[in-house]
Amino acid sequence: MCIREPGFAFFRVAICAVLLICPLLRAQTRNSQYVGSDSCVACHEDVAGKIAESAHGKLAGESTPSRRGCEGCHGPGSNHVNSGGDKSLLFSFKDASAEAIRGRCGSCHETESGSVHSQHTTNCLSCHAAHRYRQTKFILAQAPPQLCTDCHDRRH
């Protein structure tokens, strides 16, 4: 029996799929480890340059891995890197709940627990933008007063 017979085509495809997918699945099931921001910069150079100029740029020098660089906000990156960039293997602010975002930012920053800004769907990213900010010192998404008047009526 020859392996080139049509009946073996499915078998060959299945074997190739298993050989390609298994390493990716193993990467996703291991406890993720900190790999350092240099691993992130290899694929995300555009974002890294902007971060370096901001208040979060100082995170690159942190001695504690859980507070250092990109992984200080997005979590350990080894599974993300080893999977070829699976975005679900990092904390993503884009689709996170307001509570999850406040919790993630609150691990380093004081939060305003009694403030109207900590209620409902308002979260840190309602005013701040770590990657695409317009004001460097406080990494604000927009410059005041436009930032505030998007939510607050100027007449009050």
N, C-alpha and C. Protein backbone atom coordinates (compact mmCIF):
# COMPACT_ATOMS: atom_id res chain seq x y z
N MET A 1 0.85 -1.17 0.00
CA MET A 1 0.00 0.00 0.00
C MET A 1 0.90 1.24 0.00
N CYS A 2 0.61 2.16 -0.88
CA CYS A 2 1.44 3.36 -1.02
C CYS A 2 0.82 4.53 -0.25
N ILE A 3 1.65 5.32 0.40
CA ILE A 3 1.18 6.46 1.19
C ILE A 3 0.59 7.54 0.30
N ARG A 4 0.87 7.50 -0.98
CA ARG A 4 0.36 8.52 -1.89
C ARG A 4 -1.05 8.22 -2.37
N GLU A 5 -1.66 7.15 -1.93
CA GLU A 5 -3.03 6.84 -2.32
C GLU A 5 -3.97 7.87 -1.73
N PRO A 6 -5.09 8.16 -2.41
CA PRO A 6 -6.02 9.20 -1.95
C PRO A 6 -6.53 9.00 -0.52
N GLY A 7 -6.64 7.79 -0.07
CA GLY A 7 -7.13 7.52 1.27
C GLY A 7 -6.21 8.03 2.37
N PHE A 8 -4.95 8.21 2.03
CA PHE A 8 -3.97 8.68 3.00
C PHE A 8 -3.85 10.20 3.05
N ALA A 9 -4.48 10.90 2.12
CA ALA A 9 -4.39 12.37 2.08
C ALA A 9 -4.90 12.98 3.38
N PHE A 10 -6.05 12.52 3.83
CA PHE A 10 -6.62 13.05 5.09
C PHE A 10 -5.68 12.74 6.26
N PHE A 11 -5.14 11.53 6.26
CA PHE A 11 -4.23 11.11 7.33
C PHE A 11 -3.00 12.01 7.37
N ARG A 12 -2.42 12.31 6.22
CA ARG A 12 -1.24 13.18 6.17
C ARG A 12 -1.56 14.59 6.66
N VAL A 13 -2.71 15.13 6.24
CA VAL A 13 -3.12 16.47 6.67
C VAL A 13 -3.33 16.48 8.18
N ALA A 14 -3.97 15.45 8.71
CA ALA A 14 -4.23 15.38 10.15
C ALA A 14 -2.93 15.33 10.95
N ILE A 15 -1.97 14.54 10.49
CA ILE A 15 -0.68 14.44 11.18
C ILE A 15 0.03 15.79 11.17
N CYS A 16 0.03 16.46 10.02
CA CYS A 16 0.67 17.78 9.92
C CYS A 16 0.00 18.78 10.85
N ALA A 17 -1.33 18.75 10.90
CA ALA A 17 -2.06 19.67 11.78
C ALA A 17 -1.69 19.43 13.24
N VAL A 18 -1.63 18.18 13.65
CA VAL A 18 -1.28 17.85 15.03
C VAL A 18 0.14 18.33 15.35
N LEU A 19 1.07 18.10 14.43
CA LEU A 19 2.45 18.51 14.66
C LEU A 19 2.59 20.03 14.75
N LEU A 20 1.76 20.77 14.04
CA LEU A 20 1.83 22.23 14.08
C LEU A 20 1.09 22.81 15.27
N ILE A 21 -0.03 22.21 15.64
CA ILE A 21 -0.89 22.78 16.69
C ILE A 21 -0.41 22.41 18.09
N CYS A 22 0.12 21.23 18.28
CA CYS A 22 0.51 20.80 19.64
C CYS A 22 1.46 21.76 20.36
N PRO A 23 2.51 22.25 19.70
CA PRO A 23 3.37 23.20 20.42
C PRO A 23 2.62 24.47 20.83
N LEU A 24 1.70 24.91 20.01
CA LEU A 24 0.93 26.10 20.35
C LEU A 24 0.02 25.84 21.55
N LEU A 25 -0.60 24.67 21.58
CA LEU A 25 -1.47 24.33 22.71
C LEU A 25 -0.67 24.19 23.99
N ARG A 26 0.52 23.59 23.91
CA ARG A 26 1.37 23.47 25.10
C ARG A 26 1.75 24.85 25.62
N ALA A 27 2.03 25.77 24.72
CA ALA A 27 2.41 27.13 25.12
C ALA A 27 1.27 27.81 25.86
N GLN A 28 0.05 27.52 25.48
CA GLN A 28 -1.09 28.19 26.08
C GLN A 28 -1.49 27.59 27.42
N THR A 29 -1.08 26.37 27.71
CA THR A 29 -1.49 25.73 28.95
C THR A 29 -0.46 25.84 30.06
N ARG A 30 0.73 26.31 29.75
CA ARG A 30 1.75 26.51 30.78
C ARG A 30 1.47 27.80 31.53
N ASN A 31 1.95 27.87 32.78
CA ASN A 31 1.88 29.13 33.50
C ASN A 31 2.78 30.12 32.78
N SER A 32 2.22 31.26 32.44
CA SER A 32 2.98 32.25 31.70
C SER A 32 4.07 32.84 32.59
N GLN A 33 5.22 33.11 31.98
CA GLN A 33 6.37 33.67 32.67
C GLN A 33 6.65 35.07 32.10
N TYR A 34 7.37 35.86 32.86
CA TYR A 34 7.77 37.18 32.39
C TYR A 34 8.95 37.03 31.44
N VAL A 35 8.84 37.68 30.27
CA VAL A 35 9.89 37.57 29.25
C VAL A 35 10.63 38.87 29.02
N GLY A 36 10.13 39.96 29.55
CA GLY A 36 10.77 41.26 29.38
C GLY A 36 10.27 42.01 28.15
N SER A 37 10.35 43.32 28.23
CA SER A 37 9.81 44.18 27.17
C SER A 37 10.53 44.05 25.85
N ASP A 38 11.79 43.60 25.87
CA ASP A 38 12.50 43.43 24.60
C ASP A 38 11.77 42.43 23.70
N SER A 39 11.15 41.42 24.30
CA SER A 39 10.36 40.47 23.53
C SER A 39 9.14 41.15 22.91
N CYS A 40 8.57 42.08 23.62
CA CYS A 40 7.39 42.80 23.13
C CYS A 40 7.77 43.74 21.98
N VAL A 41 8.88 44.44 22.16
CA VAL A 41 9.34 45.42 21.18
C VAL A 41 9.62 44.76 19.83
N ALA A 42 10.01 43.50 19.84
CA ALA A 42 10.31 42.80 18.59
C ALA A 42 9.13 42.85 17.62
N CYS A 43 7.91 42.84 18.13
CA CYS A 43 6.72 42.90 17.26
C CYS A 43 5.94 44.21 17.38
N HIS A 44 6.11 44.91 18.49
CA HIS A 44 5.29 46.10 18.76
C HIS A 44 6.16 47.35 18.89
N GLU A 45 7.07 47.54 17.98
CA GLU A 45 8.01 48.66 18.04
C GLU A 45 7.30 50.01 18.01
N ASP A 46 6.21 50.11 17.26
CA ASP A 46 5.47 51.38 17.16
C ASP A 46 4.93 51.83 18.51
N VAL A 47 4.41 50.92 19.28
CA VAL A 47 3.86 51.23 20.60
C VAL A 47 4.99 51.49 21.60
N ALA A 48 6.05 50.73 21.50
CA ALA A 48 7.16 50.84 22.46
C ALA A 48 7.77 52.23 22.44
N GLY A 49 7.92 52.83 21.29
CA GLY A 49 8.49 54.16 21.19
C GLY A 49 7.64 55.19 21.88
N LYS A 50 6.35 55.08 21.75
CA LYS A 50 5.42 56.02 22.37
C LYS A 50 5.45 55.85 23.90
N ILE A 51 5.49 54.63 24.38
CA ILE A 51 5.52 54.37 25.81
C ILE A 51 6.80 54.93 26.43
N ALA A 52 7.92 54.77 25.77
CA ALA A 52 9.20 55.23 26.30
C ALA A 52 9.18 56.73 26.60
N GLU A 53 8.39 57.49 25.86
CA GLU A 53 8.31 58.93 26.04
C GLU A 53 7.35 59.34 27.16
N SER A 54 6.57 58.42 27.66
CA SER A 54 5.52 58.74 28.63
C SER A 54 5.94 58.46 30.07
N ALA A 55 5.03 58.75 30.98
CA ALA A 55 5.26 58.47 32.40
C ALA A 55 5.45 56.97 32.63
N HIS A 56 4.83 56.13 31.80
CA HIS A 56 4.99 54.68 31.94
C HIS A 56 6.34 54.20 31.44
N GLY A 57 7.09 55.05 30.76
CA GLY A 57 8.41 54.67 30.27
C GLY A 57 9.36 54.27 31.37
N LYS A 58 9.15 54.83 32.56
CA LYS A 58 10.02 54.50 33.69
C LYS A 58 9.82 53.06 34.17
N LEU A 59 8.75 52.40 33.73
CA LEU A 59 8.51 51.01 34.13
C LEU A 59 9.59 50.08 33.59
N ALA A 60 10.27 50.48 32.54
CA ALA A 60 11.34 49.64 31.98
C ALA A 60 12.44 49.39 33.00
N GLY A 61 12.62 50.30 33.94
CA GLY A 61 13.67 50.15 34.93
C GLY A 61 13.24 49.49 36.23
N GLU A 62 11.99 49.09 36.33
CA GLU A 62 11.50 48.44 37.56
C GLU A 62 12.26 47.14 37.82
N SER A 63 12.54 46.86 39.07
CA SER A 63 13.25 45.62 39.40
C SER A 63 12.31 44.43 39.57
N THR A 64 11.06 44.68 39.91
CA THR A 64 10.08 43.60 40.09
C THR A 64 9.44 43.26 38.75
N PRO A 65 9.58 42.02 38.27
CA PRO A 65 9.05 41.65 36.95
C PRO A 65 7.56 41.96 36.75
N SER A 66 6.77 41.82 37.79
CA SER A 66 5.33 42.05 37.64
C SER A 66 4.99 43.53 37.49
N ARG A 67 5.97 44.41 37.65
CA ARG A 67 5.75 45.85 37.49
C ARG A 67 6.62 46.43 36.38
N ARG A 68 7.36 45.59 35.68
CA ARG A 68 8.34 46.05 34.70
C ARG A 68 7.76 46.11 33.29
N GLY A 69 7.96 47.24 32.64
CA GLY A 69 7.65 47.40 31.21
C GLY A 69 6.24 47.01 30.82
N CYS A 70 6.11 46.45 29.66
CA CYS A 70 4.82 46.08 29.08
C CYS A 70 4.06 45.10 29.99
N GLU A 71 4.80 44.17 30.55
CA GLU A 71 4.18 43.13 31.37
C GLU A 71 3.66 43.66 32.70
N GLY A 72 4.09 44.85 33.09
CA GLY A 72 3.56 45.48 34.29
C GLY A 72 2.07 45.75 34.15
N CYS A 73 1.62 46.00 32.95
CA CYS A 73 0.20 46.27 32.68
C CYS A 73 -0.52 45.08 32.04
N HIS A 74 0.17 44.39 31.13
CA HIS A 74 -0.49 43.33 30.35
C HIS A 74 -0.27 41.93 30.91
N GLY A 75 0.56 41.78 31.93
CA GLY A 75 0.81 40.48 32.52
C GLY A 75 1.94 39.73 31.83
N PRO A 76 2.34 38.57 32.39
CA PRO A 76 3.45 37.80 31.84
C PRO A 76 3.21 37.43 30.38
N GLY A 77 4.25 37.53 29.56
CA GLY A 77 4.06 37.39 28.12
C GLY A 77 4.58 36.14 27.46
N SER A 78 5.13 35.17 28.20
CA SER A 78 5.74 34.02 27.53
C SER A 78 4.74 33.22 26.69
N ASN A 79 3.55 32.99 27.19
CA ASN A 79 2.57 32.23 26.40
C ASN A 79 2.17 32.98 25.14
N HIS A 80 2.02 34.30 25.25
CA HIS A 80 1.70 35.13 24.09
C HIS A 80 2.81 35.03 23.04
N VAL A 81 4.05 35.15 23.47
CA VAL A 81 5.20 35.09 22.56
C VAL A 81 5.31 33.69 21.94
N ASN A 82 5.23 32.65 22.77
CA ASN A 82 5.40 31.28 22.29
C ASN A 82 4.27 30.81 21.38
N SER A 83 3.12 31.46 21.47
CA SER A 83 1.99 31.07 20.62
C SER A 83 2.03 31.79 19.27
N GLY A 84 2.98 32.66 19.09
CA GLY A 84 3.04 33.41 17.85
C GLY A 84 2.23 34.69 17.90
N GLY A 85 1.81 35.11 19.10
CA GLY A 85 1.11 36.38 19.24
C GLY A 85 -0.37 36.29 19.55
N ASP A 86 -0.82 35.19 20.12
CA ASP A 86 -2.24 35.05 20.48
C ASP A 86 -2.62 36.14 21.49
N LYS A 87 -3.45 37.09 21.08
CA LYS A 87 -3.81 38.23 21.92
C LYS A 87 -4.60 37.83 23.16
N SER A 88 -5.26 36.70 23.13
CA SER A 88 -6.06 36.27 24.28
C SER A 88 -5.20 35.83 25.45
N LEU A 89 -3.89 35.71 25.25
CA LEU A 89 -2.99 35.23 26.30
C LEU A 89 -2.37 36.36 27.11
N LEU A 90 -2.81 37.60 26.87
CA LEU A 90 -2.39 38.77 27.63
C LEU A 90 -3.62 39.51 28.12
N PHE A 91 -3.45 40.33 29.14
CA PHE A 91 -4.56 41.19 29.56
C PHE A 91 -4.71 42.28 28.50
N SER A 92 -5.91 42.38 27.96
CA SER A 92 -6.20 43.41 26.95
C SER A 92 -7.16 44.42 27.56
N PHE A 93 -6.78 45.66 27.54
CA PHE A 93 -7.62 46.72 28.07
C PHE A 93 -8.79 46.99 27.14
N LYS A 94 -8.63 46.68 25.88
CA LYS A 94 -9.63 47.01 24.86
C LYS A 94 -11.01 46.43 25.17
N ASP A 95 -11.08 45.19 25.52
CA ASP A 95 -12.36 44.53 25.76
C ASP A 95 -12.64 44.24 27.22
N ALA A 96 -11.81 44.75 28.11
CA ALA A 96 -11.97 44.48 29.54
C ALA A 96 -13.08 45.34 30.14
N SER A 97 -13.67 44.85 31.19
CA SER A 97 -14.71 45.60 31.89
C SER A 97 -14.08 46.79 32.62
N ALA A 98 -14.91 47.76 32.94
CA ALA A 98 -14.44 48.94 33.68
C ALA A 98 -13.81 48.51 35.01
N GLU A 99 -14.43 47.55 35.66
CA GLU A 99 -13.92 47.07 36.95
C GLU A 99 -12.54 46.40 36.79
N ALA A 100 -12.38 45.60 35.74
CA ALA A 100 -11.09 44.93 35.49
C ALA A 100 -10.00 45.95 35.18
N ILE A 101 -10.35 46.98 34.43
CA ILE A 101 -9.36 48.02 34.10
C ILE A 101 -8.97 48.78 35.36
N ARG A 102 -9.96 49.16 36.16
CA ARG A 102 -9.64 49.87 37.41
C ARG A 102 -8.77 49.00 38.30
N GLY A 103 -9.04 47.71 38.35
CA GLY A 103 -8.25 46.79 39.16
C GLY A 103 -6.82 46.67 38.66
N ARG A 104 -6.65 46.58 37.36
CA ARG A 104 -5.31 46.45 36.78
C ARG A 104 -4.50 47.73 37.03
N CYS A 105 -5.10 48.88 36.76
CA CYS A 105 -4.39 50.15 36.99
C CYS A 105 -4.17 50.38 38.48
N GLY A 106 -5.15 49.97 39.28
CA GLY A 106 -5.08 50.16 40.72
C GLY A 106 -4.01 49.33 41.40
N SER A 107 -3.45 48.35 40.70
CA SER A 107 -2.37 47.56 41.31
C SER A 107 -1.11 48.41 41.48
N CYS A 108 -1.01 49.51 40.74
CA CYS A 108 0.12 50.45 40.89
C CYS A 108 -0.34 51.85 41.30
N HIS A 109 -1.47 52.26 40.81
CA HIS A 109 -1.96 53.62 41.04
C HIS A 109 -3.08 53.63 42.07
N GLU A 110 -3.15 54.71 42.83
CA GLU A 110 -4.27 54.88 43.75
C GLU A 110 -5.52 55.15 42.92
N THR A 111 -6.62 54.59 43.35
CA THR A 111 -7.87 54.81 42.63
C THR A 111 -8.77 55.71 43.46
N GLU A 112 -9.69 56.34 42.79
CA GLU A 112 -10.64 57.24 43.45
C GLU A 112 -11.92 56.46 43.74
N SER A 113 -11.90 55.62 44.76
CA SER A 113 -13.01 54.71 45.02
C SER A 113 -14.33 55.42 45.29
N GLY A 114 -14.31 56.59 45.91
CA GLY A 114 -15.55 57.30 46.20
C GLY A 114 -15.95 58.28 45.12
N SER A 115 -15.15 58.40 44.10
CA SER A 115 -15.37 59.39 43.05
C SER A 115 -16.39 58.90 42.03
N VAL A 116 -17.05 59.86 41.39
CA VAL A 116 -17.97 59.52 40.31
C VAL A 116 -17.20 58.85 39.17
N HIS A 117 -15.90 59.11 39.07
CA HIS A 117 -15.09 58.51 38.02
C HIS A 117 -14.88 57.01 38.23
N SER A 118 -15.18 56.49 39.39
CA SER A 118 -15.01 55.06 39.64
C SER A 118 -16.33 54.31 39.58
N GLN A 119 -17.35 54.94 39.08
CA GLN A 119 -18.67 54.32 39.02
C GLN A 119 -19.07 54.02 37.58
N HIS A 120 -20.02 53.14 37.43
CA HIS A 120 -20.62 52.81 36.14
C HIS A 120 -19.57 52.29 35.15
N THR A 121 -19.60 52.80 33.93
CA THR A 121 -18.67 52.31 32.90
C THR A 121 -17.43 53.19 32.77
N THR A 122 -17.35 54.25 33.57
CA THR A 122 -16.16 55.10 33.53
C THR A 122 -14.99 54.33 34.11
N ASN A 123 -13.85 54.41 33.47
CA ASN A 123 -12.66 53.74 33.98
C ASN A 123 -11.44 54.60 33.66
N CYS A 124 -10.30 54.14 34.01
CA CYS A 124 -9.06 54.90 33.82
C CYS A 124 -8.87 55.33 32.37
N LEU A 125 -9.28 54.47 31.44
CA LEU A 125 -9.08 54.76 30.02
C LEU A 125 -10.10 55.76 29.48
N SER A 126 -11.04 56.17 30.30
CA SER A 126 -11.96 57.23 29.89
C SER A 126 -11.19 58.55 29.77
N CYS A 127 -10.11 58.69 30.52
CA CYS A 127 -9.30 59.91 30.48
C CYS A 127 -7.86 59.66 30.05
N HIS A 128 -7.32 58.50 30.38
CA HIS A 128 -5.91 58.20 30.13
C HIS A 128 -5.76 57.21 28.98
N ALA A 129 -4.64 57.30 28.28
CA ALA A 129 -4.36 56.41 27.15
C ALA A 129 -2.88 56.06 27.17
N ALA A 130 -2.54 54.91 27.65
CA ALA A 130 -1.13 54.54 27.80
C ALA A 130 -0.38 54.48 26.48
N HIS A 131 -1.03 54.06 25.42
CA HIS A 131 -0.34 53.90 24.14
C HIS A 131 -0.50 55.09 23.20
N ARG A 132 -1.66 55.69 23.17
CA ARG A 132 -1.93 56.76 22.22
C ARG A 132 -2.44 58.01 22.94
N TYR A 133 -1.58 58.58 23.72
CA TYR A 133 -1.93 59.74 24.52
C TYR A 133 -1.62 61.03 23.77
N ARG A 134 -2.24 62.11 24.21
CA ARG A 134 -2.00 63.42 23.61
C ARG A 134 -1.28 64.36 24.58
N GLN A 135 -1.22 63.99 25.86
CA GLN A 135 -0.55 64.81 26.86
C GLN A 135 0.37 63.89 27.64
N THR A 136 1.66 64.16 27.64
CA THR A 136 2.67 63.23 28.14
C THR A 136 2.65 63.01 29.65
N LYS A 137 2.60 64.06 30.44
CA LYS A 137 2.79 63.92 31.89
C LYS A 137 1.78 62.97 32.53
N PHE A 138 0.51 63.13 32.21
CA PHE A 138 -0.52 62.28 32.82
C PHE A 138 -1.11 61.30 31.81
N ILE A 139 -0.44 61.11 30.70
CA ILE A 139 -0.88 60.28 29.59
C ILE A 139 -2.39 60.41 29.32
N LEU A 140 -2.82 61.63 29.14
CA LEU A 140 -4.23 61.91 28.89
C LEU A 140 -4.59 61.63 27.44
N ALA A 141 -5.79 61.10 27.25
CA ALA A 141 -6.27 60.77 25.92
C ALA A 141 -6.48 62.01 25.07
N GLN A 142 -6.87 63.11 25.70
CA GLN A 142 -7.04 64.39 25.04
C GLN A 142 -6.54 65.47 25.98
N ALA A 143 -6.26 66.62 25.45
CA ALA A 143 -5.84 67.74 26.29
C ALA A 143 -7.07 68.40 26.90
N PRO A 144 -6.98 68.84 28.17
CA PRO A 144 -8.08 69.61 28.75
C PRO A 144 -8.23 70.92 28.00
N PRO A 145 -9.37 71.51 27.90
CA PRO A 145 -10.61 71.13 28.56
C PRO A 145 -11.44 70.13 27.77
N GLN A 146 -11.06 69.83 26.51
CA GLN A 146 -11.85 68.90 25.69
C GLN A 146 -12.03 67.56 26.38
N LEU A 147 -11.02 67.08 27.04
CA LEU A 147 -11.10 65.81 27.75
C LEU A 147 -12.26 65.79 28.73
N CYS A 148 -12.39 66.85 29.51
CA CYS A 148 -13.42 66.92 30.54
C CYS A 148 -14.80 67.21 29.95
N THR A 149 -14.85 68.07 28.95
CA THR A 149 -16.15 68.48 28.41
C THR A 149 -16.80 67.40 27.55
N ASP A 150 -16.07 66.35 27.23
CA ASP A 150 -16.70 65.23 26.55
C ASP A 150 -17.77 64.59 27.43
N CYS A 151 -17.55 64.62 28.75
CA CYS A 151 -18.52 64.05 29.70
C CYS A 151 -19.23 65.12 30.52
N HIS A 152 -18.52 66.19 30.86
CA HIS A 152 -19.07 67.22 31.73
C HIS A 152 -19.51 68.43 30.92
N ASP A 153 -20.71 68.89 31.21
CA ASP A 153 -21.25 70.07 30.54
C ASP A 153 -20.48 71.31 31.02
N ARG A 154 -20.04 72.12 30.11
CA ARG A 154 -19.26 73.34 30.46
C ARG A 154 -20.05 74.32 31.32
N ARG A 155 -21.36 74.28 31.28
CA ARG A 155 -22.18 75.27 32.01
C ARG A 155 -22.22 75.00 33.50
N HIS A 156 -21.72 73.86 33.95
CA HIS A 156 -21.82 73.51 35.39
C HIS A 156 -20.51 73.65 36.07
